[in-house]
Amino acid sequence: SISSIENINSNQFYDKVLLNPFNVLLYIHAPWCSHCKSIEPILEHVASVYNKLNNDSNTPVIPTLVYRMDGSKNDIILMNLRIIGYPTIYFFKSNDKSNPIEYDGERTAEAIMTFIDLFIVN
């Protein structure tokens, strides 16, 4: 099945995350991380929900894009992101890209979407 989440690497980070005019949820994982394997389908669901919203012209909210980056292969220090373990999830608000917010809530689709909605509605 086609993934709802686009993979990006550190070379694309600047353009895809920092320069685009949208909100970005960045999911940083490692191939050997077992917790990542369990959160993948949850994030796929979240991404598909926001992709639908993004494509709906009646939606008043700023689009939210979900990207996946392999932390073991990419030097993410370019953003000074704190990566203590995997998975690590950061939200980059469309109008405040220099202050990403780390997600540390429950690993459920509902909790993650509630977190995103806090920032996209206002």
PDB file of N, CA and C in Angstrom:
ATOM      1  N   SER A   1       0.843  -1.199   0.000  1.00  0.00           N
ATOM      2  CA  SER A   1       0.000   0.000   0.000  1.00  0.00           C
ATOM      3  C   SER A   1       0.878   1.249   0.000  1.00  0.00           C
ATOM      4  N   ILE A   2       0.383   2.293  -0.600  1.00  0.00           N
ATOM      5  CA  ILE A   2       1.147   3.538  -0.696  1.00  0.00           C
ATOM      6  C   ILE A   2       1.097   4.264   0.649  1.00  0.00           C
ATOM      7  N   SER A   3       2.256   4.685   1.105  1.00  0.00           N
ATOM      8  CA  SER A   3       2.330   5.369   2.390  1.00  0.00           C
ATOM      9  C   SER A   3       1.765   6.783   2.287  1.00  0.00           C
ATOM     10  N   SER A   4       1.116   7.222   3.368  1.00  0.00           N
ATOM     11  CA  SER A   4       0.635   8.608   3.449  1.00  0.00           C
ATOM     12  C   SER A   4       1.742   9.539   3.913  1.00  0.00           C
ATOM     13  N   ILE A   5       2.861   8.940   4.340  1.00  0.00           N
ATOM     14  CA  ILE A   5       3.958   9.724   4.907  1.00  0.00           C
ATOM     15  C   ILE A   5       5.125   9.735   3.932  1.00  0.00           C
ATOM     16  N   GLU A   6       5.596  10.922   3.618  1.00  0.00           N
ATOM     17  CA  GLU A   6       6.744  11.033   2.711  1.00  0.00           C
ATOM     18  C   GLU A   6       8.046  10.928   3.501  1.00  0.00           C
ATOM     19  N   ASN A   7       8.974  10.114   2.992  1.00  0.00           N
ATOM     20  CA  ASN A   7      10.307  10.039   3.598  1.00  0.00           C
ATOM     21  C   ASN A   7      11.142  11.214   3.125  1.00  0.00           C
ATOM     22  N   ILE A   8      11.851  11.855   4.050  1.00  0.00           N
ATOM     23  CA  ILE A   8      12.779  12.912   3.646  1.00  0.00           C
ATOM     24  C   ILE A   8      14.128  12.652   4.305  1.00  0.00           C
ATOM     25  N   ASN A   9      15.173  13.248   3.735  1.00  0.00           N
ATOM     26  CA  ASN A   9      16.497  13.145   4.350  1.00  0.00           C
ATOM     27  C   ASN A   9      16.972  14.540   4.747  1.00  0.00           C
ATOM     28  N   SER A  10      18.143  14.598   5.361  1.00  0.00           N
ATOM     29  CA  SER A  10      18.600  15.885   5.902  1.00  0.00           C
ATOM     30  C   SER A  10      18.844  16.920   4.803  1.00  0.00           C
ATOM     31  N   ASN A  11      19.132  16.463   3.568  1.00  0.00           N
ATOM     32  CA  ASN A  11      19.315  17.418   2.465  1.00  0.00           C
ATOM     33  C   ASN A  11      18.010  18.116   2.095  1.00  0.00           C
ATOM     34  N   GLN A  12      16.904  17.439   2.330  1.00  0.00           N
ATOM     35  CA  GLN A  12      15.588  18.000   1.972  1.00  0.00           C
ATOM     36  C   GLN A  12      14.959  18.766   3.126  1.00  0.00           C
ATOM     37  N   PHE A  13      15.563  18.629   4.299  1.00  0.00           N
ATOM     38  CA  PHE A  13      14.971  19.159   5.529  1.00  0.00           C
ATOM     39  C   PHE A  13      14.655  20.646   5.424  1.00  0.00           C
ATOM     40  N   TYR A  14      15.610  21.405   4.916  1.00  0.00           N
ATOM     41  CA  TYR A  14      15.450  22.859   4.858  1.00  0.00           C
ATOM     42  C   TYR A  14      14.246  23.248   3.998  1.00  0.00           C
ATOM     43  N   ASP A  15      14.182  22.667   2.803  1.00  0.00           N
ATOM     44  CA  ASP A  15      13.088  22.992   1.878  1.00  0.00           C
ATOM     45  C   ASP A  15      11.743  22.448   2.343  1.00  0.00           C
ATOM     46  N   LYS A  16      11.747  21.180   2.733  1.00  0.00           N
ATOM     47  CA  LYS A  16      10.485  20.492   3.026  1.00  0.00           C
ATOM     48  C   LYS A  16       9.891  20.919   4.363  1.00  0.00           C
ATOM     49  N   VAL A  17      10.754  21.158   5.345  1.00  0.00           N
ATOM     50  CA  VAL A  17      10.252  21.448   6.690  1.00  0.00           C
ATOM     51  C   VAL A  17      10.270  22.940   6.999  1.00  0.00           C
ATOM     52  N   LEU A  18      11.431  23.570   6.817  1.00  0.00           N
ATOM     53  CA  LEU A  18      11.573  24.955   7.280  1.00  0.00           C
ATOM     54  C   LEU A  18      11.028  25.989   6.308  1.00  0.00           C
ATOM     55  N   LEU A  19      11.173  25.742   5.008  1.00  0.00           N
ATOM     56  CA  LEU A  19      10.776  26.765   4.038  1.00  0.00           C
ATOM     57  C   LEU A  19       9.342  26.641   3.546  1.00  0.00           C
ATOM     58  N   ASN A  20       8.726  25.476   3.722  1.00  0.00           N
ATOM     59  CA  ASN A  20       7.365  25.390   3.198  1.00  0.00           C
ATOM     60  C   ASN A  20       6.405  26.152   4.109  1.00  0.00           C
ATOM     61  N   PRO A  21       5.289  26.639   3.568  1.00  0.00           N
ATOM     62  CA  PRO A  21       4.396  27.513   4.339  1.00  0.00           C
ATOM     63  C   PRO A  21       3.420  26.764   5.247  1.00  0.00           C
ATOM     64  N   PHE A  22       3.578  25.446   5.351  1.00  0.00           N
ATOM     65  CA  PHE A  22       2.606  24.639   6.081  1.00  0.00           C
ATOM     66  C   PHE A  22       3.139  24.172   7.432  1.00  0.00           C
ATOM     67  N   ASN A  23       2.233  23.597   8.223  1.00  0.00           N
ATOM     68  CA  ASN A  23       2.650  22.912   9.444  1.00  0.00           C
ATOM     69  C   ASN A  23       3.293  21.589   9.053  1.00  0.00           C
ATOM     70  N   VAL A  24       4.273  21.168   9.842  1.00  0.00           N
ATOM     71  CA  VAL A  24       4.924  19.885   9.575  1.00  0.00           C
ATOM     72  C   VAL A  24       5.031  19.079  10.864  1.00  0.00           C
ATOM     73  N   LEU A  25       4.591  17.833  10.787  1.00  0.00           N
ATOM     74  CA  LEU A  25       4.846  16.873  11.859  1.00  0.00           C
ATOM     75  C   LEU A  25       5.994  16.000  11.370  1.00  0.00           C
ATOM     76  N   LEU A  26       7.129  16.080  12.044  1.00  0.00           N
ATOM     77  CA  LEU A  26       8.313  15.318  11.629  1.00  0.00           C
ATOM     78  C   LEU A  26       8.502  14.142  12.576  1.00  0.00           C
ATOM     79  N   TYR A  27       8.480  12.965  11.993  1.00  0.00           N
ATOM     80  CA  TYR A  27       8.619  11.715  12.749  1.00  0.00           C
ATOM     81  C   TYR A  27      10.025  11.173  12.484  1.00  0.00           C
ATOM     82  N   ILE A  28      10.825  11.097  13.538  1.00  0.00           N
ATOM     83  CA  ILE A  28      12.213  10.654  13.400  1.00  0.00           C
ATOM     84  C   ILE A  28      12.325   9.256  13.996  1.00  0.00           C
ATOM     85  N   HIS A  29      12.786   8.333  13.178  1.00  0.00           N
ATOM     86  CA  HIS A  29      12.792   6.927  13.585  1.00  0.00           C
ATOM     87  C   HIS A  29      14.159   6.302  13.332  1.00  0.00           C
ATOM     88  N   ALA A  30      14.308   5.053  13.727  1.00  0.00           N
ATOM     89  CA  ALA A  30      15.491   4.262  13.395  1.00  0.00           C
ATOM     90  C   ALA A  30      15.008   2.864  13.013  1.00  0.00           C
ATOM     91  N   PRO A  31      15.700   2.226  12.060  1.00  0.00           N
ATOM     92  CA  PRO A  31      15.253   0.921  11.555  1.00  0.00           C
ATOM     93  C   PRO A  31      15.163  -0.157  12.642  1.00  0.00           C
ATOM     94  N   TRP A  32      16.023  -0.058  13.642  1.00  0.00           N
ATOM     95  CA  TRP A  32      16.069  -1.096  14.677  1.00  0.00           C
ATOM     96  C   TRP A  32      15.151  -0.818  15.857  1.00  0.00           C
ATOM     97  N   CYS A  33      14.401   0.276  15.786  1.00  0.00           N
ATOM     98  CA  CYS A  33      13.584   0.705  16.932  1.00  0.00           C
ATOM     99  C   CYS A  33      12.223   0.003  16.931  1.00  0.00           C
ATOM    100  N   SER A  34      11.967  -0.788  17.974  1.00  0.00           N
ATOM    101  CA  SER A  34      10.708  -1.551  18.021  1.00  0.00           C
ATOM    102  C   SER A  34       9.503  -0.657  18.297  1.00  0.00           C
ATOM    103  N   HIS A  35       9.681   0.393  19.098  1.00  0.00           N
ATOM    104  CA  HIS A  35       8.570   1.317  19.364  1.00  0.00           C
ATOM    105  C   HIS A  35       8.139   2.026  18.079  1.00  0.00           C
ATOM    106  N   CYS A  36       9.102   2.260  17.189  1.00  0.00           N
ATOM    107  CA  CYS A  36       8.787   2.911  15.912  1.00  0.00           C
ATOM    108  C   CYS A  36       7.850   2.034  15.093  1.00  0.00           C
ATOM    109  N   LYS A  37       8.114   0.731  15.109  1.00  0.00           N
ATOM    110  CA  LYS A  37       7.277  -0.178  14.324  1.00  0.00           C
ATOM    111  C   LYS A  37       5.828  -0.131  14.792  1.00  0.00           C
ATOM    112  N   SER A  38       5.630   0.071  16.097  1.00  0.00           N
ATOM    113  CA  SER A  38       4.253   0.100  16.599  1.00  0.00           C
ATOM    114  C   SER A  38       3.563   1.443  16.355  1.00  0.00           C
ATOM    115  N   ILE A  39       4.343   2.509  16.249  1.00  0.00           N
ATOM    116  CA  ILE A  39       3.716   3.824  16.028  1.00  0.00           C
ATOM    117  C   ILE A  39       3.496   4.120  14.536  1.00  0.00           C
ATOM    118  N   GLU A  40       4.204   3.392  13.667  1.00  0.00           N
ATOM    119  CA  GLU A  40       4.082   3.635  12.212  1.00  0.00           C
ATOM    120  C   GLU A  40       2.629   3.620  11.720  1.00  0.00           C
ATOM    121  N   PRO A  41       1.851   2.553  12.012  1.00  0.00           N
ATOM    122  CA  PRO A  41       0.475   2.541  11.505  1.00  0.00           C
ATOM    123  C   PRO A  41      -0.378   3.672  12.086  1.00  0.00           C
ATOM    124  N   ILE A  42      -0.073   4.076  13.308  1.00  0.00           N
ATOM    125  CA  ILE A  42      -0.795   5.180  13.948  1.00  0.00           C
ATOM    126  C   ILE A  42      -0.520   6.476  13.193  1.00  0.00           C
ATOM    127  N   LEU A  43       0.757   6.710  12.872  1.00  0.00           N
ATOM    128  CA  LEU A  43       1.128   7.928  12.143  1.00  0.00           C
ATOM    129  C   LEU A  43       0.624   7.895  10.704  1.00  0.00           C
ATOM    130  N   GLU A  44       0.576   6.695  10.124  1.00  0.00           N
ATOM    131  CA  GLU A  44      -0.005   6.556   8.777  1.00  0.00           C
ATOM    132  C   GLU A  44      -1.459   7.026   8.795  1.00  0.00           C
ATOM    133  N   HIS A  45      -2.175   6.627   9.829  1.00  0.00           N
ATOM    134  CA  HIS A  45      -3.577   7.035   9.956  1.00  0.00           C
ATOM    135  C   HIS A  45      -3.685   8.552  10.115  1.00  0.00           C
ATOM    136  N   VAL A  46      -2.875   9.107  10.998  1.00  0.00           N
ATOM    137  CA  VAL A  46      -2.870  10.556  11.231  1.00  0.00           C
ATOM    138  C   VAL A  46      -2.579  11.289   9.917  1.00  0.00           C
ATOM    139  N   ALA A  47      -1.567  10.823   9.199  1.00  0.00           N
ATOM    140  CA  ALA A  47      -1.180  11.467   7.937  1.00  0.00           C
ATOM    141  C   ALA A  47      -2.313  11.402   6.920  1.00  0.00           C
ATOM    142  N   SER A  48      -2.992  10.270   6.851  1.00  0.00           N
ATOM    143  CA  SER A  48      -4.071  10.146   5.858  1.00  0.00           C
ATOM    144  C   SER A  48      -5.236  11.078   6.192  1.00  0.00           C
ATOM    145  N   VAL A  49      -5.513  11.256   7.482  1.00  0.00           N
ATOM    146  CA  VAL A  49      -6.573  12.189   7.899  1.00  0.00           C
ATOM    147  C   VAL A  49      -6.221  13.614   7.477  1.00  0.00           C
ATOM    148  N   TYR A  50      -4.976  14.032   7.740  1.00  0.00           N
ATOM    149  CA  TYR A  50      -4.586  15.407   7.397  1.00  0.00           C
ATOM    150  C   TYR A  50      -4.418  15.585   5.893  1.00  0.00           C
ATOM    151  N   ASN A  51      -3.984  14.535   5.195  1.00  0.00           N
ATOM    152  CA  ASN A  51      -3.899  14.634   3.734  1.00  0.00           C
ATOM    153  C   ASN A  51      -5.281  14.900   3.132  1.00  0.00           C
ATOM    154  N   LYS A  52      -6.299  14.236   3.679  1.00  0.00           N
ATOM    155  CA  LYS A  52      -7.677  14.467   3.213  1.00  0.00           C
ATOM    156  C   LYS A  52      -8.094  15.910   3.490  1.00  0.00           C
ATOM    157  N   LEU A  53      -7.802  16.370   4.710  1.00  0.00           N
ATOM    158  CA  LEU A  53      -8.126  17.756   5.079  1.00  0.00           C
ATOM    159  C   LEU A  53      -7.405  18.744   4.171  1.00  0.00           C
ATOM    160  N   ASN A  54      -6.136  18.454   3.898  1.00  0.00           N
ATOM    161  CA  ASN A  54      -5.322  19.353   3.068  1.00  0.00           C
ATOM    162  C   ASN A  54      -5.930  19.514   1.680  1.00  0.00           C
ATOM    163  N   ASN A  55      -6.565  18.449   1.201  1.00  0.00           N
ATOM    164  CA  ASN A  55      -7.112  18.460  -0.158  1.00  0.00           C
ATOM    165  C   ASN A  55      -8.552  18.948  -0.217  1.00  0.00           C
ATOM    166  N   ASP A  56      -9.107  19.286   0.948  1.00  0.00           N
ATOM    167  CA  ASP A  56     -10.491  19.757   1.003  1.00  0.00           C
ATOM    168  C   ASP A  56     -10.498  21.281   1.012  1.00  0.00           C
ATOM    169  N   SER A  57     -10.990  21.865  -0.061  1.00  0.00           N
ATOM    170  CA  SER A  57     -10.927  23.328  -0.187  1.00  0.00           C
ATOM    171  C   SER A  57     -11.801  24.050   0.837  1.00  0.00           C
ATOM    172  N   ASN A  58     -12.711  23.319   1.472  1.00  0.00           N
ATOM    173  CA  ASN A  58     -13.576  23.948   2.474  1.00  0.00           C
ATOM    174  C   ASN A  58     -12.941  24.008   3.862  1.00  0.00           C
ATOM    175  N   THR A  59     -11.765  23.397   4.002  1.00  0.00           N
ATOM    176  CA  THR A  59     -11.122  23.373   5.312  1.00  0.00           C
ATOM    177  C   THR A  59     -10.420  24.699   5.572  1.00  0.00           C
ATOM    178  N   PRO A  60     -10.764  25.360   6.673  1.00  0.00           N
ATOM    179  CA  PRO A  60     -10.163  26.669   6.956  1.00  0.00           C
ATOM    180  C   PRO A  60      -8.759  26.589   7.565  1.00  0.00           C
ATOM    181  N   VAL A  61      -8.320  25.375   7.937  1.00  0.00           N
ATOM    182  CA  VAL A  61      -7.038  25.283   8.635  1.00  0.00           C
ATOM    183  C   VAL A  61      -5.862  25.223   7.662  1.00  0.00           C
ATOM    184  N   ILE A  62      -4.707  25.631   8.160  1.00  0.00           N
ATOM    185  CA  ILE A  62      -3.469  25.536   7.382  1.00  0.00           C
ATOM    186  C   ILE A  62      -3.091  24.058   7.274  1.00  0.00           C
ATOM    187  N   PRO A  63      -2.717  23.591   6.086  1.00  0.00           N
ATOM    188  CA  PRO A  63      -2.387  22.175   5.938  1.00  0.00           C
ATOM    189  C   PRO A  63      -1.259  21.721   6.865  1.00  0.00           C
ATOM    190  N   THR A  64      -1.341  20.459   7.249  1.00  0.00           N
ATOM    191  CA  THR A  64      -0.294  19.825   8.046  1.00  0.00           C
ATOM    192  C   THR A  64       0.259  18.653   7.251  1.00  0.00           C
ATOM    193  N   LEU A  65       1.571  18.646   7.049  1.00  0.00           N
ATOM    194  CA  LEU A  65       2.239  17.571   6.326  1.00  0.00           C
ATOM    195  C   LEU A  65       2.973  16.693   7.331  1.00  0.00           C
ATOM    196  N   VAL A  66       2.978  15.391   7.077  1.00  0.00           N
ATOM    197  CA  VAL A  66       3.698  14.466   7.953  1.00  0.00           C
ATOM    198  C   VAL A  66       4.874  13.890   7.171  1.00  0.00           C
ATOM    199  N   TYR A  67       6.069  14.040   7.727  1.00  0.00           N
ATOM    200  CA  TYR A  67       7.281  13.510   7.102  1.00  0.00           C
ATOM    201  C   TYR A  67       7.974  12.531   8.040  1.00  0.00           C
ATOM    202  N   ARG A  68       8.674  11.575   7.429  1.00  0.00           N
ATOM    203  CA  ARG A  68       9.430  10.574   8.176  1.00  0.00           C
ATOM    204  C   ARG A  68      10.910  10.739   7.843  1.00  0.00           C
ATOM    205  N   MET A  69      11.754  10.712   8.864  1.00  0.00           N
ATOM    206  CA  MET A  69      13.193  10.809   8.636  1.00  0.00           C
ATOM    207  C   MET A  69      13.919   9.761   9.467  1.00  0.00           C
ATOM    208  N   ASP A  70      14.863   9.088   8.845  1.00  0.00           N
ATOM    209  CA  ASP A  70      15.656   8.069   9.535  1.00  0.00           C
ATOM    210  C   ASP A  70      16.769   8.756  10.318  1.00  0.00           C
ATOM    211  N   GLY A  71      16.627   8.785  11.638  1.00  0.00           N
ATOM    212  CA  GLY A  71      17.595   9.483  12.484  1.00  0.00           C
ATOM    213  C   GLY A  71      18.957   8.826  12.514  1.00  0.00           C
ATOM    214  N   SER A  72      19.011   7.537  12.179  1.00  0.00           N
ATOM    215  CA  SER A  72      20.297   6.842  12.207  1.00  0.00           C
ATOM    216  C   SER A  72      21.127   7.159  10.969  1.00  0.00           C
ATOM    217  N   LYS A  73      20.470   7.666   9.921  1.00  0.00           N
ATOM    218  CA  LYS A  73      21.167   7.947   8.661  1.00  0.00           C
ATOM    219  C   LYS A  73      21.322   9.435   8.386  1.00  0.00           C
ATOM    220  N   ASN A  74      20.607  10.261   9.127  1.00  0.00           N
ATOM    221  CA  ASN A  74      20.595  11.687   8.818  1.00  0.00           C
ATOM    222  C   ASN A  74      21.071  12.519   9.990  1.00  0.00           C
ATOM    223  N   ASP A  75      21.920  13.458   9.692  1.00  0.00           N
ATOM    224  CA  ASP A  75      22.448  14.334  10.719  1.00  0.00           C
ATOM    225  C   ASP A  75      21.425  15.428  10.989  1.00  0.00           C
ATOM    226  N   ILE A  76      20.669  15.251  12.050  1.00  0.00           N
ATOM    227  CA  ILE A  76      19.557  16.166  12.314  1.00  0.00           C
ATOM    228  C   ILE A  76      20.011  17.323  13.200  1.00  0.00           C
ATOM    229  N   ILE A  77      21.299  17.343  13.523  1.00  0.00           N
ATOM    230  CA  ILE A  77      21.827  18.395  14.387  1.00  0.00           C
ATOM    231  C   ILE A  77      21.735  19.751  13.691  1.00  0.00           C
ATOM    232  N   LEU A  78      21.520  19.735  12.366  1.00  0.00           N
ATOM    233  CA  LEU A  78      21.396  20.994  11.638  1.00  0.00           C
ATOM    234  C   LEU A  78      20.271  21.851  12.201  1.00  0.00           C
ATOM    235  N   MET A  79      19.312  21.254  12.887  1.00  0.00           N
ATOM    236  CA  MET A  79      18.210  22.021  13.457  1.00  0.00           C
ATOM    237  C   MET A  79      18.347  22.088  14.970  1.00  0.00           C
ATOM    238  N   ASN A  80      19.426  21.517  15.504  1.00  0.00           N
ATOM    239  CA  ASN A  80      19.599  21.420  16.956  1.00  0.00           C
ATOM    240  C   ASN A  80      18.407  20.750  17.628  1.00  0.00           C
ATOM    241  N   LEU A  81      17.845  19.762  16.954  1.00  0.00           N
ATOM    242  CA  LEU A  81      16.738  19.032  17.557  1.00  0.00           C
ATOM    243  C   LEU A  81      17.288  18.068  18.600  1.00  0.00           C
ATOM    244  N   ARG A  82      16.607  18.009  19.713  1.00  0.00           N
ATOM    245  CA  ARG A  82      16.986  17.089  20.779  1.00  0.00           C
ATOM    246  C   ARG A  82      16.448  15.706  20.416  1.00  0.00           C
ATOM    247  N   ILE A  83      17.332  14.764  20.182  1.00  0.00           N
ATOM    248  CA  ILE A  83      16.887  13.404  19.891  1.00  0.00           C
ATOM    249  C   ILE A  83      17.499  12.508  20.952  1.00  0.00           C
ATOM    250  N   ILE A  84      16.712  12.133  21.937  1.00  0.00           N
ATOM    251  CA  ILE A  84      17.247  11.306  23.013  1.00  0.00           C
ATOM    252  C   ILE A  84      16.972   9.842  22.720  1.00  0.00           C
ATOM    253  N   GLY A  85      15.861   9.576  22.071  1.00  0.00           N
ATOM    254  CA  GLY A  85      15.521   8.202  21.712  1.00  0.00           C
ATOM    255  C   GLY A  85      14.579   8.217  20.529  1.00  0.00           C
ATOM    256  N   TYR A  86      14.203   7.041  20.102  1.00  0.00           N
ATOM    257  CA  TYR A  86      13.258   6.911  18.985  1.00  0.00           C
ATOM    258  C   TYR A  86      12.001   6.207  19.473  1.00  0.00           C
ATOM    259  N   PRO A  87      10.841   6.521  18.919  1.00  0.00           N
ATOM    260  CA  PRO A  87      10.624   7.595  17.958  1.00  0.00           C
ATOM    261  C   PRO A  87      10.616   8.971  18.623  1.00  0.00           C
ATOM    262  N   THR A  88      11.061   9.978  17.883  1.00  0.00           N
ATOM    263  CA  THR A  88      10.939  11.361  18.327  1.00  0.00           C
ATOM    264  C   THR A  88      10.055  12.081  17.315  1.00  0.00           C
ATOM    265  N   ILE A  89       9.113  12.860  17.825  1.00  0.00           N
ATOM    266  CA  ILE A  89       8.172  13.562  16.953  1.00  0.00           C
ATOM    267  C   ILE A  89       8.208  15.050  17.283  1.00  0.00           C
ATOM    268  N   TYR A  90       8.399  15.858  16.249  1.00  0.00           N
ATOM    269  CA  TYR A  90       8.382  17.310  16.417  1.00  0.00           C
ATOM    270  C   TYR A  90       7.300  17.917  15.544  1.00  0.00           C
ATOM    271  N   PHE A  91       6.667  18.968  16.062  1.00  0.00           N
ATOM    272  CA  PHE A  91       5.696  19.724  15.279  1.00  0.00           C
ATOM    273  C   PHE A  91       6.276  21.098  14.980  1.00  0.00           C
ATOM    274  N   PHE A  92       6.326  21.443  13.699  1.00  0.00           N
ATOM    275  CA  PHE A  92       6.814  22.754  13.256  1.00  0.00           C
ATOM    276  C   PHE A  92       5.600  23.567  12.825  1.00  0.00           C
ATOM    277  N   LYS A  93       5.264  24.570  13.614  1.00  0.00           N
ATOM    278  CA  LYS A  93       4.095  25.406  13.312  1.00  0.00           C
ATOM    279  C   LYS A  93       4.414  26.300  12.112  1.00  0.00           C
ATOM    280  N   SER A  94       3.445  26.462  11.233  1.00  0.00           N
ATOM    281  CA  SER A  94       3.673  27.162   9.966  1.00  0.00           C
ATOM    282  C   SER A  94       4.316  28.536  10.142  1.00  0.00           C
ATOM    283  N   ASN A  95       3.915  29.256  11.190  1.00  0.00           N
ATOM    284  CA  ASN A  95       4.430  30.625  11.349  1.00  0.00           C
ATOM    285  C   ASN A  95       5.512  30.735  12.423  1.00  0.00           C
ATOM    286  N   ASP A  96       6.039  29.597  12.875  1.00  0.00           N
ATOM    287  CA  ASP A  96       7.057  29.621  13.930  1.00  0.00           C
ATOM    288  C   ASP A  96       7.998  28.427  13.781  1.00  0.00           C
ATOM    289  N   LYS A  97       8.608  28.316  12.602  1.00  0.00           N
ATOM    290  CA  LYS A  97       9.415  27.135  12.289  1.00  0.00           C
ATOM    291  C   LYS A  97      10.668  27.009  13.157  1.00  0.00           C
ATOM    292  N   SER A  98      11.125  28.133  13.720  1.00  0.00           N
ATOM    293  CA  SER A  98      12.367  28.062  14.499  1.00  0.00           C
ATOM    294  C   SER A  98      12.145  27.529  15.915  1.00  0.00           C
ATOM    295  N   ASN A  99      10.891  27.297  16.285  1.00  0.00           N
ATOM    296  CA  ASN A  99      10.600  26.758  17.620  1.00  0.00           C
ATOM    297  C   ASN A  99       9.757  25.488  17.546  1.00  0.00           C
ATOM    298  N   PRO A 100      10.357  24.394  17.065  1.00  0.00           N
ATOM    299  CA  PRO A 100       9.588  23.152  16.969  1.00  0.00           C
ATOM    300  C   PRO A 100       9.191  22.652  18.358  1.00  0.00           C
ATOM    301  N   ILE A 101       8.040  22.023  18.425  1.00  0.00           N
ATOM    302  CA  ILE A 101       7.510  21.525  19.693  1.00  0.00           C
ATOM    303  C   ILE A 101       7.609  20.008  19.699  1.00  0.00           C
ATOM    304  N   GLU A 102       8.275  19.473  20.705  1.00  0.00           N
ATOM    305  CA  GLU A 102       8.409  18.020  20.787  1.00  0.00           C
ATOM    306  C   GLU A 102       7.119  17.416  21.329  1.00  0.00           C
ATOM    307  N   TYR A 103       6.674  16.347  20.687  1.00  0.00           N
ATOM    308  CA  TYR A 103       5.476  15.650  21.154  1.00  0.00           C
ATOM    309  C   TYR A 103       5.884  14.600  22.163  1.00  0.00           C
ATOM    310  N   ASP A 104       5.290  14.663  23.354  1.00  0.00           N
ATOM    311  CA  ASP A 104       5.626  13.632  24.338  1.00  0.00           C
ATOM    312  C   ASP A 104       4.377  13.019  24.960  1.00  0.00           C
ATOM    313  N   GLY A 105       3.276  13.072  24.218  1.00  0.00           N
ATOM    314  CA  GLY A 105       2.023  12.516  24.720  1.00  0.00           C
ATOM    315  C   GLY A 105       1.877  11.037  24.409  1.00  0.00           C
ATOM    316  N   GLU A 106       0.660  10.561  24.570  1.00  0.00           N
ATOM    317  CA  GLU A 106       0.367   9.155  24.303  1.00  0.00           C
ATOM    318  C   GLU A 106       0.567   8.847  22.828  1.00  0.00           C
ATOM    319  N   ARG A 107       0.948   7.599  22.567  1.00  0.00           N
ATOM    320  CA  ARG A 107       1.176   7.188  21.183  1.00  0.00           C
ATOM    321  C   ARG A 107      -0.098   6.595  20.594  1.00  0.00           C
ATOM    322  N   THR A 108      -1.124   7.454  20.537  1.00  0.00           N
ATOM    323  CA  THR A 108      -2.382   7.068  19.898  1.00  0.00           C
ATOM    324  C   THR A 108      -2.709   8.128  18.851  1.00  0.00           C
ATOM    325  N   ALA A 109      -3.466   7.720  17.840  1.00  0.00           N
ATOM    326  CA  ALA A 109      -3.830   8.664  16.778  1.00  0.00           C
ATOM    327  C   ALA A 109      -4.623   9.831  17.358  1.00  0.00           C
ATOM    328  N   GLU A 110      -5.543   9.514  18.264  1.00  0.00           N
ATOM    329  CA  GLU A 110      -6.400  10.547  18.848  1.00  0.00           C
ATOM    330  C   GLU A 110      -5.570  11.592  19.590  1.00  0.00           C
ATOM    331  N   ALA A 111      -4.620  11.126  20.395  1.00  0.00           N
ATOM    332  CA  ALA A 111      -3.788  12.052  21.181  1.00  0.00           C
ATOM    333  C   ALA A 111      -2.912  12.909  20.270  1.00  0.00           C
ATOM    334  N   ILE A 112      -2.352  12.294  19.238  1.00  0.00           N
ATOM    335  CA  ILE A 112      -1.476  13.036  18.325  1.00  0.00           C
ATOM    336  C   ILE A 112      -2.279  14.088  17.555  1.00  0.00           C
ATOM    337  N   MET A 113      -3.486  13.720  17.134  1.00  0.00           N
ATOM    338  CA  MET A 113      -4.310  14.675  16.387  1.00  0.00           C
ATOM    339  C   MET A 113      -4.813  15.804  17.287  1.00  0.00           C
ATOM    340  N   THR A 114      -5.091  15.497  18.536  1.00  0.00           N
ATOM    341  CA  THR A 114      -5.484  16.540  19.492  1.00  0.00           C
ATOM    342  C   THR A 114      -4.343  17.535  19.666  1.00  0.00           C
ATOM    343  N   PHE A 115      -3.124  17.008  19.750  1.00  0.00           N
ATOM    344  CA  PHE A 115      -1.914  17.832  19.869  1.00  0.00           C
ATOM    345  C   PHE A 115      -1.764  18.736  18.642  1.00  0.00           C
ATOM    346  N   ILE A 116      -1.884  18.169  17.452  1.00  0.00           N
ATOM    347  CA  ILE A 116      -1.755  18.961  16.221  1.00  0.00           C
ATOM    348  C   ILE A 116      -2.835  20.044  16.172  1.00  0.00           C
ATOM    349  N   ASP A 117      -4.050  19.662  16.529  1.00  0.00           N
ATOM    350  CA  ASP A 117      -5.177  20.602  16.428  1.00  0.00           C
ATOM    351  C   ASP A 117      -5.045  21.794  17.369  1.00  0.00           C
ATOM    352  N   LEU A 118      -4.290  21.625  18.447  1.00  0.00           N
ATOM    353  CA  LEU A 118      -4.028  22.750  19.354  1.00  0.00           C
ATOM    354  C   LEU A 118      -3.356  23.899  18.615  1.00  0.00           C
ATOM    355  N   PHE A 119      -2.524  23.540  17.639  1.00  0.00           N
ATOM    356  CA  PHE A 119      -1.700  24.542  16.965  1.00  0.00           C
ATOM    357  C   PHE A 119      -2.268  25.003  15.639  1.00  0.00           C
ATOM    358  N   ILE A 120      -3.110  24.202  15.013  1.00  0.00           N
ATOM    359  CA  ILE A 120      -3.536  24.579  13.662  1.00  0.00           C
ATOM    360  C   ILE A 120      -4.829  25.371  13.645  1.00  0.00           C
ATOM    361  N   VAL A 121      -5.550  25.369  14.749  1.00  0.00           N
ATOM    362  CA  VAL A 121      -6.844  26.035  14.722  1.00  0.00           C
ATOM    363  C   VAL A 121      -6.697  27.532  14.930  1.00  0.00           C
ATOM    364  N   ASN A 122      -5.695  27.918  15.709  1.00  0.00           N
ATOM    365  CA  ASN A 122      -5.553  29.354  15.982  1.00  0.00           C
ATOM    366  C   ASN A 122      -4.499  29.991  15.089  1.00  0.00           C
TER     367      ASN A 122
END
